[in-house]
């Protein structure tokens, strides 16, 4: 399904379908396939922010010394 969509421009309806699919099939960042359409990744990243999912950002250790 996704590969045929990637070869052409998305129309508005198809973009909405991809975004809905991304929300209904959400997975954490490390489980996402790089072959998925960029719109799917974008929508899952939005959901990450909404739910407060941990992102691939550096962890800092603070010292009181």
C-alpha atoms as a PDB file:
ATOM      1  CA  UNK A   1       0.000   0.000   0.000  1.00  0.00           C
ATOM      2  CA  UNK A   2       2.591   2.548   1.050  1.00  0.00           C
ATOM      3  CA  UNK A   3       5.042   2.078  -1.832  1.00  0.00           C
ATOM      4  CA  UNK A   4       2.529   3.088  -4.499  1.00  0.00           C
ATOM      5  CA  UNK A   5       1.620   6.196  -2.522  1.00  0.00           C
ATOM      6  CA  UNK A   6       5.239   7.267  -2.217  1.00  0.00           C
ATOM      7  CA  UNK A   7       5.760   7.422  -5.969  1.00  0.00           C
ATOM      8  CA  UNK A   8       3.157  10.112  -6.579  1.00  0.00           C
ATOM      9  CA  UNK A   9       1.886  13.310  -5.014  1.00  0.00           C
ATOM     10  CA  UNK A  10      -0.630  12.843  -2.257  1.00  0.00           C
ATOM     11  CA  UNK A  11      -4.055  14.313  -2.605  1.00  0.00           C
ATOM     12  CA  UNK A  12      -5.751  15.695   0.487  1.00  0.00           C
ATOM     13  CA  UNK A  13      -7.913  12.618   1.076  1.00  0.00           C
ATOM     14  CA  UNK A  14      -4.974  10.213   0.818  1.00  0.00           C
ATOM     15  CA  UNK A  15      -2.973  12.339   3.254  1.00  0.00           C
ATOM     16  CA  UNK A  16      -5.851  12.190   5.745  1.00  0.00           C
ATOM     17  CA  UNK A  17      -6.014   8.422   5.317  1.00  0.00           C
ATOM     18  CA  UNK A  18      -2.294   8.082   6.037  1.00  0.00           C
ATOM     19  CA  UNK A  19      -2.581  10.297   9.105  1.00  0.00           C
ATOM     20  CA  UNK A  20      -5.505   8.270  10.410  1.00  0.00           C
ATOM     21  CA  UNK A  21      -3.602   5.032   9.754  1.00  0.00           C
ATOM     22  CA  UNK A  22      -0.633   6.444  11.674  1.00  0.00           C
ATOM     23  CA  UNK A  23      -2.810   7.255  14.675  1.00  0.00           C
ATOM     24  CA  UNK A  24      -4.614   3.922  14.675  1.00  0.00           C
ATOM     25  CA  UNK A  25      -1.397   1.931  14.208  1.00  0.00           C
ATOM     26  CA  UNK A  26       0.888   4.011  16.398  1.00  0.00           C
ATOM     27  CA  UNK A  27       4.141   2.417  17.527  1.00  0.00           C
ATOM     28  CA  UNK A  28       7.037   3.850  19.553  1.00  0.00           C
ATOM     29  CA  UNK A  29       9.824   5.538  17.545  1.00  0.00           C
ATOM     30  CA  UNK A  30      12.218   2.584  17.666  1.00  0.00           C
ATOM     31  CA  UNK A  31       9.615   0.257  16.134  1.00  0.00           C
ATOM     32  CA  UNK A  32       8.800   2.448  13.113  1.00  0.00           C
ATOM     33  CA  UNK A  33       9.732   1.263   9.646  1.00  0.00           C
ATOM     34  CA  UNK A  34      11.823   3.641   7.556  1.00  0.00           C
ATOM     35  CA  UNK A  35       9.821   2.498   4.526  1.00  0.00           C
ATOM     36  CA  UNK A  36       6.654   4.161   5.870  1.00  0.00           C
ATOM     37  CA  UNK A  37       5.579   7.364   4.177  1.00  0.00           C
ATOM     38  CA  UNK A  38       6.951  10.609   5.687  1.00  0.00           C
ATOM     39  CA  UNK A  39       3.390  11.703   6.494  1.00  0.00           C
ATOM     40  CA  UNK A  40       3.014   8.614   8.705  1.00  0.00           C
ATOM     41  CA  UNK A  41       6.237   9.467  10.534  1.00  0.00           C
ATOM     42  CA  UNK A  42       5.141  13.075  10.930  1.00  0.00           C
ATOM     43  CA  UNK A  43       1.780  12.100  12.415  1.00  0.00           C
ATOM     44  CA  UNK A  44       3.360   9.596  14.807  1.00  0.00           C
ATOM     45  CA  UNK A  45       5.812  12.289  15.929  1.00  0.00           C
ATOM     46  CA  UNK A  46       2.853  14.586  16.631  1.00  0.00           C
ATOM     47  CA  UNK A  47       1.282  11.856  18.738  1.00  0.00           C
ATOM     48  CA  UNK A  48       4.604  11.433  20.571  1.00  0.00           C
ATOM     49  CA  UNK A  49       4.393  15.065  21.631  1.00  0.00           C
ATOM     50  CA  UNK A  50       0.746  14.778  22.628  1.00  0.00           C
ATOM     51  CA  UNK A  51       1.273  11.700  24.782  1.00  0.00           C
ATOM     52  CA  UNK A  52       4.664  12.704  26.159  1.00  0.00           C
ATOM     53  CA  UNK A  53       6.410   9.641  24.721  1.00  0.00           C
ATOM     54  CA  UNK A  54      10.153   9.603  25.255  1.00  0.00           C
ATOM     55  CA  UNK A  55      11.964  10.959  22.234  1.00  0.00           C
ATOM     56  CA  UNK A  56      15.438  10.373  20.905  1.00  0.00           C
ATOM     57  CA  UNK A  57      16.960  13.241  22.804  1.00  0.00           C
ATOM     58  CA  UNK A  58      20.078  13.173  24.932  1.00  0.00           C
ATOM     59  CA  UNK A  59      19.741  12.365  28.626  1.00  0.00           C
ATOM     60  CA  UNK A  60      21.650  14.607  30.974  1.00  0.00           C
ATOM     61  CA  UNK A  61      22.997  13.650  34.374  1.00  0.00           C
ATOM     62  CA  UNK A  62      23.118  16.580  36.745  1.00  0.00           C
ATOM     63  CA  UNK A  63      25.514  16.644  39.603  1.00  0.00           C
ATOM     64  CA  UNK A  64      25.172  18.650  42.805  1.00  0.00           C
ATOM     65  CA  UNK A  65      28.921  18.903  43.277  1.00  0.00           C
END
